[in-house]
PDB file of N, CA and C in Angstrom:
ATOM      1  N   MET A   1      -6.313 -19.031 -15.389  1.00  0.00           N
ATOM      2  CA  MET A   1      -5.873 -17.659 -15.346  1.00  0.00           C
ATOM      3  C   MET A   1      -6.310 -17.045 -13.976  1.00  0.00           C
ATOM      4  N   GLU A   2      -5.361 -16.357 -13.394  1.00  0.00           N
ATOM      5  CA  GLU A   2      -5.617 -15.781 -12.061  1.00  0.00           C
ATOM      6  C   GLU A   2      -6.430 -14.496 -12.145  1.00  0.00           C
ATOM      7  N   GLU A   3      -7.454 -14.412 -11.344  1.00  0.00           N
ATOM      8  CA  GLU A   3      -8.272 -13.220 -11.316  1.00  0.00           C
ATOM      9  C   GLU A   3      -7.658 -12.184 -10.430  1.00  0.00           C
ATOM     10  N   LYS A   4      -7.553 -10.953 -10.885  1.00  0.00           N
ATOM     11  CA  LYS A   4      -6.931  -9.863 -10.109  1.00  0.00           C
ATOM     12  C   LYS A   4      -7.957  -9.313  -9.132  1.00  0.00           C
ATOM     13  N   LYS A   5      -7.493  -9.163  -7.898  1.00  0.00           N
ATOM     14  CA  LYS A   5      -8.385  -8.590  -6.830  1.00  0.00           C
ATOM     15  C   LYS A   5      -8.257  -7.078  -6.862  1.00  0.00           C
ATOM     16  N   PHE A   6      -9.351  -6.437  -6.566  1.00  0.00           N
ATOM     17  CA  PHE A   6      -9.370  -5.004  -6.459  1.00  0.00           C
ATOM     18  C   PHE A   6      -9.269  -4.670  -4.983  1.00  0.00           C
ATOM     19  N   ASP A   7      -8.103  -4.234  -4.545  1.00  0.00           N
ATOM     20  CA  ASP A   7      -7.890  -3.981  -3.135  1.00  0.00           C
ATOM     21  C   ASP A   7      -7.885  -2.474  -2.802  1.00  0.00           C
ATOM     22  N   THR A   8      -7.776  -2.160  -1.552  1.00  0.00           N
ATOM     23  CA  THR A   8      -7.806  -0.747  -1.132  1.00  0.00           C
ATOM     24  C   THR A   8      -6.621   0.025  -1.595  1.00  0.00           C
ATOM     25  N   LEU A   9      -5.443  -0.651  -1.695  1.00  0.00           N
ATOM     26  CA  LEU A   9      -4.261   0.031  -2.200  1.00  0.00           C
ATOM     27  C   LEU A   9      -4.459   0.499  -3.635  1.00  0.00           C
ATOM     28  N   MET A  10      -5.079  -0.352  -4.421  1.00  0.00           N
ATOM     29  CA  MET A  10      -5.350   0.003  -5.799  1.00  0.00           C
ATOM     30  C   MET A  10      -6.323   1.182  -5.899  1.00  0.00           C
ATOM     31  N   LEU A  11      -7.316   1.182  -5.000  1.00  0.00           N
ATOM     32  CA  LEU A  11      -8.269   2.288  -4.968  1.00  0.00           C
ATOM     33  C   LEU A  11      -7.574   3.624  -4.607  1.00  0.00           C
ATOM     34  N   PHE A  12      -6.717   3.587  -3.596  1.00  0.00           N
ATOM     35  CA  PHE A  12      -5.977   4.794  -3.248  1.00  0.00           C
ATOM     36  C   PHE A  12      -5.042   5.244  -4.349  1.00  0.00           C
ATOM     37  N   GLN A  13      -4.440   4.280  -5.029  1.00  0.00           N
ATOM     38  CA  GLN A  13      -3.531   4.624  -6.140  1.00  0.00           C
ATOM     39  C   GLN A  13      -4.320   5.309  -7.251  1.00  0.00           C
ATOM     40  N   MET A  14      -5.474   4.775  -7.566  1.00  0.00           N
ATOM     41  CA  MET A  14      -6.298   5.409  -8.629  1.00  0.00           C
ATOM     42  C   MET A  14      -6.742   6.811  -8.249  1.00  0.00           C
ATOM     43  N   ILE A  15      -7.138   6.972  -6.974  1.00  0.00           N
ATOM     44  CA  ILE A  15      -7.546   8.326  -6.503  1.00  0.00           C
ATOM     45  C   ILE A  15      -6.384   9.322  -6.629  1.00  0.00           C
ATOM     46  N   PHE A  16      -5.202   8.896  -6.194  1.00  0.00           N
ATOM     47  CA  PHE A  16      -4.017   9.776  -6.249  1.00  0.00           C
ATOM     48  C   PHE A  16      -3.613  10.075  -7.684  1.00  0.00           C
ATOM     49  N   VAL A  17      -3.715   9.089  -8.557  1.00  0.00           N
ATOM     50  CA  VAL A  17      -3.377   9.312  -9.984  1.00  0.00           C
ATOM     51  C   VAL A  17      -4.368  10.349 -10.592  1.00  0.00           C
ATOM     52  N   ILE A  18      -5.647  10.207 -10.262  1.00  0.00           N
ATOM     53  CA  ILE A  18      -6.602  11.180 -10.776  1.00  0.00           C
ATOM     54  C   ILE A  18      -6.323  12.578 -10.242  1.00  0.00           C
ATOM     55  N   LEU A  19      -5.963  12.653  -8.961  1.00  0.00           N
ATOM     56  CA  LEU A  19      -5.628  13.972  -8.388  1.00  0.00           C
ATOM     57  C   LEU A  19      -4.376  14.569  -9.029  1.00  0.00           C
ATOM     58  N   VAL A  20      -3.383  13.746  -9.272  1.00  0.00           N
ATOM     59  CA  VAL A  20      -2.147  14.237  -9.944  1.00  0.00           C
ATOM     60  C   VAL A  20      -2.463  14.718 -11.361  1.00  0.00           C
ATOM     61  N   MET A  21      -3.284  13.957 -12.039  1.00  0.00           N
ATOM     62  CA  MET A  21      -3.609  14.398 -13.418  1.00  0.00           C
ATOM     63  C   MET A  21      -4.412  15.678 -13.403  1.00  0.00           C
ATOM     64  N   ALA A  22      -5.389  15.816 -12.464  1.00  0.00           N
ATOM     65  CA  ALA A  22      -6.175  17.022 -12.396  1.00  0.00           C
ATOM     66  C   ALA A  22      -5.357  18.233 -11.991  1.00  0.00           C
ATOM     67  N   ILE A  23      -4.500  18.100 -11.016  1.00  0.00           N
ATOM     68  CA  ILE A  23      -3.644  19.194 -10.606  1.00  0.00           C
ATOM     69  C   ILE A  23      -2.660  19.575 -11.703  1.00  0.00           C
ATOM     70  N   GLY A  24      -2.105  18.565 -12.380  1.00  0.00           N
ATOM     71  CA  GLY A  24      -1.174  18.815 -13.476  1.00  0.00           C
ATOM     72  C   GLY A  24      -1.867  19.580 -14.609  1.00  0.00           C
ATOM     73  N   VAL A  25      -3.042  19.180 -15.008  1.00  0.00           N
ATOM     74  CA  VAL A  25      -3.744  19.870 -16.061  1.00  0.00           C
ATOM     75  C   VAL A  25      -4.100  21.289 -15.663  1.00  0.00           C
ATOM     76  N   TYR A  26      -4.540  21.427 -14.422  1.00  0.00           N
ATOM     77  CA  TYR A  26      -4.890  22.762 -13.929  1.00  0.00           C
ATOM     78  C   TYR A  26      -3.668  23.698 -13.907  1.00  0.00           C
ATOM     79  N   CYS A  27      -2.522  23.192 -13.463  1.00  0.00           N
ATOM     80  CA  CYS A  27      -1.286  23.979 -13.421  1.00  0.00           C
ATOM     81  C   CYS A  27      -0.838  24.332 -14.868  1.00  0.00           C
ATOM     82  N   LYS A  28      -1.017  23.430 -15.762  1.00  0.00           N
ATOM     83  CA  LYS A  28      -0.605  23.686 -17.145  1.00  0.00           C
ATOM     84  C   LYS A  28      -1.506  24.732 -17.794  1.00  0.00           C
ATOM     85  N   ILE A  29      -2.806  24.640 -17.577  1.00  0.00           N
ATOM     86  CA  ILE A  29      -3.751  25.569 -18.204  1.00  0.00           C
ATOM     87  C   ILE A  29      -3.605  26.986 -17.606  1.00  0.00           C
ATOM     88  N   THR A  30      -3.531  27.062 -16.270  1.00  0.00           N
ATOM     89  CA  THR A  30      -3.445  28.361 -15.619  1.00  0.00           C
ATOM     90  C   THR A  30      -2.037  28.890 -15.491  1.00  0.00           C
ATOM     91  N   GLU A  31      -1.041  28.087 -15.833  1.00  0.00           N
ATOM     92  CA  GLU A  31       0.371  28.430 -15.684  1.00  0.00           C
ATOM     93  C   GLU A  31       0.682  28.854 -14.238  1.00  0.00           C
ATOM     94  N   SER A  32       0.034  28.244 -13.316  1.00  0.00           N
ATOM     95  CA  SER A  32       0.247  28.488 -11.871  1.00  0.00           C
ATOM     96  C   SER A  32       1.169  27.444 -11.323  1.00  0.00           C
ATOM     97  N   THR A  33       2.075  27.854 -10.425  1.00  0.00           N
ATOM     98  CA  THR A  33       2.998  26.929  -9.776  1.00  0.00           C
ATOM     99  C   THR A  33       2.693  26.731  -8.301  1.00  0.00           C
ATOM    100  N   GLN A  34       1.592  27.256  -7.824  1.00  0.00           N
ATOM    101  CA  GLN A  34       1.281  27.212  -6.397  1.00  0.00           C
ATOM    102  C   GLN A  34       0.919  25.795  -5.928  1.00  0.00           C
ATOM    103  N   LEU A  35       0.425  24.948  -6.855  1.00  0.00           N
ATOM    104  CA  LEU A  35      -0.011  23.638  -6.444  1.00  0.00           C
ATOM    105  C   LEU A  35       1.040  22.556  -6.669  1.00  0.00           C
ATOM    106  N   ILE A  36       2.206  22.941  -7.127  1.00  0.00           N
ATOM    107  CA  ILE A  36       3.263  21.924  -7.414  1.00  0.00           C
ATOM    108  C   ILE A  36       3.642  21.123  -6.168  1.00  0.00           C
ATOM    109  N   PRO A  37       3.758  21.716  -4.975  1.00  0.00           N
ATOM    110  CA  PRO A  37       4.103  20.902  -3.816  1.00  0.00           C
ATOM    111  C   PRO A  37       3.046  19.806  -3.546  1.00  0.00           C
ATOM    112  N   PHE A  38       1.761  20.128  -3.758  1.00  0.00           N
ATOM    113  CA  PHE A  38       0.734  19.077  -3.612  1.00  0.00           C
ATOM    114  C   PHE A  38       0.888  17.983  -4.648  1.00  0.00           C
ATOM    115  N   LEU A  39       1.252  18.387  -5.849  1.00  0.00           N
ATOM    116  CA  LEU A  39       1.506  17.413  -6.929  1.00  0.00           C
ATOM    117  C   LEU A  39       2.635  16.483  -6.513  1.00  0.00           C
ATOM    118  N   LEU A  40       3.721  17.019  -5.949  1.00  0.00           N
ATOM    119  CA  LEU A  40       4.816  16.177  -5.474  1.00  0.00           C
ATOM    120  C   LEU A  40       4.394  15.251  -4.342  1.00  0.00           C
ATOM    121  N   ILE A  41       3.581  15.747  -3.442  1.00  0.00           N
ATOM    122  CA  ILE A  41       3.119  14.890  -2.326  1.00  0.00           C
ATOM    123  C   ILE A  41       2.301  13.712  -2.865  1.00  0.00           C
ATOM    124  N   PHE A  42       1.402  13.971  -3.767  1.00  0.00           N
ATOM    125  CA  PHE A  42       0.565  12.909  -4.279  1.00  0.00           C
ATOM    126  C   PHE A  42       1.392  11.935  -5.136  1.00  0.00           C
ATOM    127  N   MET A  43       2.396  12.442  -5.851  1.00  0.00           N
ATOM    128  CA  MET A  43       3.286  11.559  -6.633  1.00  0.00           C
ATOM    129  C   MET A  43       4.111  10.645  -5.661  1.00  0.00           C
ATOM    130  N   GLY A  44       4.537  11.225  -4.551  1.00  0.00           N
ATOM    131  CA  GLY A  44       5.253  10.439  -3.543  1.00  0.00           C
ATOM    132  C   GLY A  44       4.339   9.378  -2.946  1.00  0.00           C
ATOM    133  N   LEU A  45       3.085   9.687  -2.725  1.00  0.00           N
ATOM    134  CA  LEU A  45       2.140   8.702  -2.173  1.00  0.00           C
ATOM    135  C   LEU A  45       1.885   7.605  -3.202  1.00  0.00           C
ATOM    136  N   ILE A  46       1.789   7.957  -4.465  1.00  0.00           N
ATOM    137  CA  ILE A  46       1.602   6.968  -5.501  1.00  0.00           C
ATOM    138  C   ILE A  46       2.778   6.033  -5.533  1.00  0.00           C
ATOM    139  N   THR A  47       3.978   6.555  -5.430  1.00  0.00           N
ATOM    140  CA  THR A  47       5.202   5.704  -5.446  1.00  0.00           C
ATOM    141  C   THR A  47       5.237   4.836  -4.201  1.00  0.00           C
ATOM    142  N   LEU A  48       4.805   5.353  -3.052  1.00  0.00           N
ATOM    143  CA  LEU A  48       4.763   4.578  -1.827  1.00  0.00           C
ATOM    144  C   LEU A  48       3.779   3.410  -1.963  1.00  0.00           C
ATOM    145  N   ILE A  49       2.634   3.680  -2.519  1.00  0.00           N
ATOM    146  CA  ILE A  49       1.650   2.633  -2.730  1.00  0.00           C
ATOM    147  C   ILE A  49       2.150   1.563  -3.722  1.00  0.00           C
ATOM    148  N   LEU A  50       2.857   1.993  -4.755  1.00  0.00           N
ATOM    149  CA  LEU A  50       3.429   1.032  -5.694  1.00  0.00           C
ATOM    150  C   LEU A  50       4.422   0.134  -4.973  1.00  0.00           C
ATOM    151  N   GLY A  51       5.227   0.714  -4.071  1.00  0.00           N
ATOM    152  CA  GLY A  51       6.167  -0.095  -3.298  1.00  0.00           C
ATOM    153  C   GLY A  51       5.459  -1.071  -2.373  1.00  0.00           C
ATOM    154  N   LEU A  52       4.435  -0.623  -1.723  1.00  0.00           N
ATOM    155  CA  LEU A  52       3.680  -1.517  -0.820  1.00  0.00           C
ATOM    156  C   LEU A  52       3.001  -2.653  -1.589  1.00  0.00           C
ATOM    157  N   ARG A  53       2.456  -2.314  -2.768  1.00  0.00           N
ATOM    158  CA  ARG A  53       1.834  -3.377  -3.594  1.00  0.00           C
ATOM    159  C   ARG A  53       2.851  -4.365  -4.109  1.00  0.00           C
ATOM    160  N   GLU A  54       4.029  -3.874  -4.460  1.00  0.00           N
ATOM    161  CA  GLU A  54       5.113  -4.773  -4.941  1.00  0.00           C
ATOM    162  C   GLU A  54       5.552  -5.700  -3.789  1.00  0.00           C
ATOM    163  N   TYR A  55       5.692  -5.137  -2.598  1.00  0.00           N
ATOM    164  CA  TYR A  55       6.087  -5.953  -1.453  1.00  0.00           C
ATOM    165  C   TYR A  55       5.002  -6.986  -1.122  1.00  0.00           C
ATOM    166  N   LYS A  56       3.743  -6.567  -1.219  1.00  0.00           N
ATOM    167  CA  LYS A  56       2.619  -7.447  -0.937  1.00  0.00           C
ATOM    168  C   LYS A  56       2.542  -8.584  -1.976  1.00  0.00           C
ATOM    169  N   ARG A  57       2.914  -8.236  -3.201  1.00  0.00           N
ATOM    170  CA  ARG A  57       2.835  -9.221  -4.288  1.00  0.00           C
ATOM    171  C   ARG A  57       3.950 -10.254  -4.203  1.00  0.00           C
ATOM    172  N   THR A  58       5.197  -9.780  -3.960  1.00  0.00           N
ATOM    173  CA  THR A  58       6.334 -10.696  -3.998  1.00  0.00           C
ATOM    174  C   THR A  58       6.779 -11.163  -2.643  1.00  0.00           C
ATOM    175  N   HIS A  59       6.327 -10.508  -1.538  1.00  0.00           N
ATOM    176  CA  HIS A  59       6.757 -10.811  -0.189  1.00  0.00           C
ATOM    177  C   HIS A  59       8.261 -10.731  -0.031  1.00  0.00           C
ATOM    178  N   SER A  60       8.851  -9.885  -0.839  1.00  0.00           N
ATOM    179  CA  SER A  60      10.296  -9.618  -0.789  1.00  0.00           C
ATOM    180  C   SER A  60      10.531  -8.132  -0.758  1.00  0.00           C
ATOM    181  N   LEU A  61      11.313  -7.672   0.187  1.00  0.00           N
ATOM    182  CA  LEU A  61      11.510  -6.237   0.354  1.00  0.00           C
ATOM    183  C   LEU A  61      12.391  -5.702  -0.773  1.00  0.00           C
ATOM    184  N   ILE A  62      13.215  -6.558  -1.412  1.00  0.00           N
ATOM    185  CA  ILE A  62      14.098  -6.108  -2.478  1.00  0.00           C
ATOM    186  C   ILE A  62      13.285  -5.581  -3.644  1.00  0.00           C
ATOM    187  N   GLY A  63      12.203  -6.212  -3.963  1.00  0.00           N
ATOM    188  CA  GLY A  63      11.387  -5.738  -5.108  1.00  0.00           C
ATOM    189  C   GLY A  63      10.760  -4.374  -4.867  1.00  0.00           C
ATOM    190  N   GLY A  64      10.326  -4.108  -3.647  1.00  0.00           N
ATOM    191  CA  GLY A  64       9.649  -2.863  -3.368  1.00  0.00           C
ATOM    192  C   GLY A  64      10.546  -1.791  -2.753  1.00  0.00           C
ATOM    193  N   ILE A  65      11.810  -2.147  -2.451  1.00  0.00           N
ATOM    194  CA  ILE A  65      12.667  -1.159  -1.758  1.00  0.00           C
ATOM    195  C   ILE A  65      12.994   0.057  -2.630  1.00  0.00           C
ATOM    196  N   PHE A  66      13.099  -0.108  -3.941  1.00  0.00           N
ATOM    197  CA  PHE A  66      13.388   1.034  -4.799  1.00  0.00           C
ATOM    198  C   PHE A  66      12.192   2.002  -4.825  1.00  0.00           C
ATOM    199  N   TYR A  67      10.996   1.436  -4.862  1.00  0.00           N
ATOM    200  CA  TYR A  67       9.796   2.284  -4.812  1.00  0.00           C
ATOM    201  C   TYR A  67       9.711   3.017  -3.481  1.00  0.00           C
ATOM    202  N   LEU A  68      10.002   2.291  -2.389  1.00  0.00           N
ATOM    203  CA  LEU A  68       9.924   2.897  -1.063  1.00  0.00           C
ATOM    204  C   LEU A  68      10.947   3.966  -0.864  1.00  0.00           C
ATOM    205  N   CYS A  69      12.177   3.742  -1.327  1.00  0.00           N
ATOM    206  CA  CYS A  69      13.228   4.759  -1.212  1.00  0.00           C
ATOM    207  C   CYS A  69      12.862   5.990  -2.073  1.00  0.00           C
ATOM    208  N   SER A  70      12.357   5.733  -3.241  1.00  0.00           N
ATOM    209  CA  SER A  70      11.929   6.842  -4.138  1.00  0.00           C
ATOM    210  C   SER A  70      10.798   7.635  -3.503  1.00  0.00           C
ATOM    211  N   ALA A  71       9.882   6.960  -2.891  1.00  0.00           N
ATOM    212  CA  ALA A  71       8.738   7.646  -2.243  1.00  0.00           C
ATOM    213  C   ALA A  71       9.233   8.484  -1.085  1.00  0.00           C
ATOM    214  N   VAL A  72      10.120   8.002  -0.258  1.00  0.00           N
ATOM    215  CA  VAL A  72      10.677   8.791   0.830  1.00  0.00           C
ATOM    216  C   VAL A  72      11.391  10.008   0.334  1.00  0.00           C
ATOM    217  N   PHE A  73      12.165   9.845  -0.749  1.00  0.00           N
ATOM    218  CA  PHE A  73      12.901  10.980  -1.310  1.00  0.00           C
ATOM    219  C   PHE A  73      11.912  12.041  -1.881  1.00  0.00           C
ATOM    220  N   ILE A  74      10.890  11.585  -2.623  1.00  0.00           N
ATOM    221  CA  ILE A  74       9.921  12.504  -3.225  1.00  0.00           C
ATOM    222  C   ILE A  74       9.158  13.256  -2.119  1.00  0.00           C
ATOM    223  N   LEU A  75       8.742  12.551  -1.075  1.00  0.00           N
ATOM    224  CA  LEU A  75       8.017  13.191   0.013  1.00  0.00           C
ATOM    225  C   LEU A  75       8.927  14.175   0.783  1.00  0.00           C
ATOM    226  N   PHE A  76      10.226  13.839   0.938  1.00  0.00           N
ATOM    227  CA  PHE A  76      11.148  14.754   1.602  1.00  0.00           C
ATOM    228  C   PHE A  76      11.289  16.039   0.762  1.00  0.00           C
ATOM    229  N   VAL A  77      11.432  15.871  -0.546  1.00  0.00           N
ATOM    230  CA  VAL A  77      11.527  17.085  -1.405  1.00  0.00           C
ATOM    231  C   VAL A  77      10.263  17.901  -1.363  1.00  0.00           C
ATOM    232  N   ALA A  78       9.092  17.251  -1.339  1.00  0.00           N
ATOM    233  CA  ALA A  78       7.830  17.986  -1.284  1.00  0.00           C
ATOM    234  C   ALA A  78       7.712  18.755   0.016  1.00  0.00           C
ATOM    235  N   ILE A  79       8.162  18.157   1.109  1.00  0.00           N
ATOM    236  CA  ILE A  79       8.092  18.866   2.394  1.00  0.00           C
ATOM    237  C   ILE A  79       9.059  20.033   2.392  1.00  0.00           C
ATOM    238  N   GLU A  80      10.220  19.877   1.827  1.00  0.00           N
ATOM    239  CA  GLU A  80      11.215  20.947   1.777  1.00  0.00           C
ATOM    240  C   GLU A  80      10.703  22.111   0.879  1.00  0.00           C
ATOM    241  N   VAL A  81       9.921  21.821  -0.143  1.00  0.00           N
ATOM    242  CA  VAL A  81       9.399  22.868  -1.026  1.00  0.00           C
ATOM    243  C   VAL A  81       8.426  23.774  -0.273  1.00  0.00           C
ATOM    244  N   PHE A  82       7.649  23.175   0.654  1.00  0.00           N
ATOM    245  CA  PHE A  82       6.716  23.984   1.444  1.00  0.00           C
ATOM    246  C   PHE A  82       7.540  24.938   2.259  1.00  0.00           C
TER     247      PHE A  82
END
């Protein structure tokens, strides 16, 4: 059985997931929409990291291209919201 390595991409992904969850819970509790652009930015970064990890795992751009395109779109929308 192959042992999974804990790499820096996984660390960044976990940090961004925790940030998204914290911001989401805060926005839900306070009913504030001021932090939604930051939520979108972190979600875009999570998607970008997923694409990079998929590319790193398969060494094929086709596997990660959907993640990468989605990340670019999400980050573009987040920038436009600002």
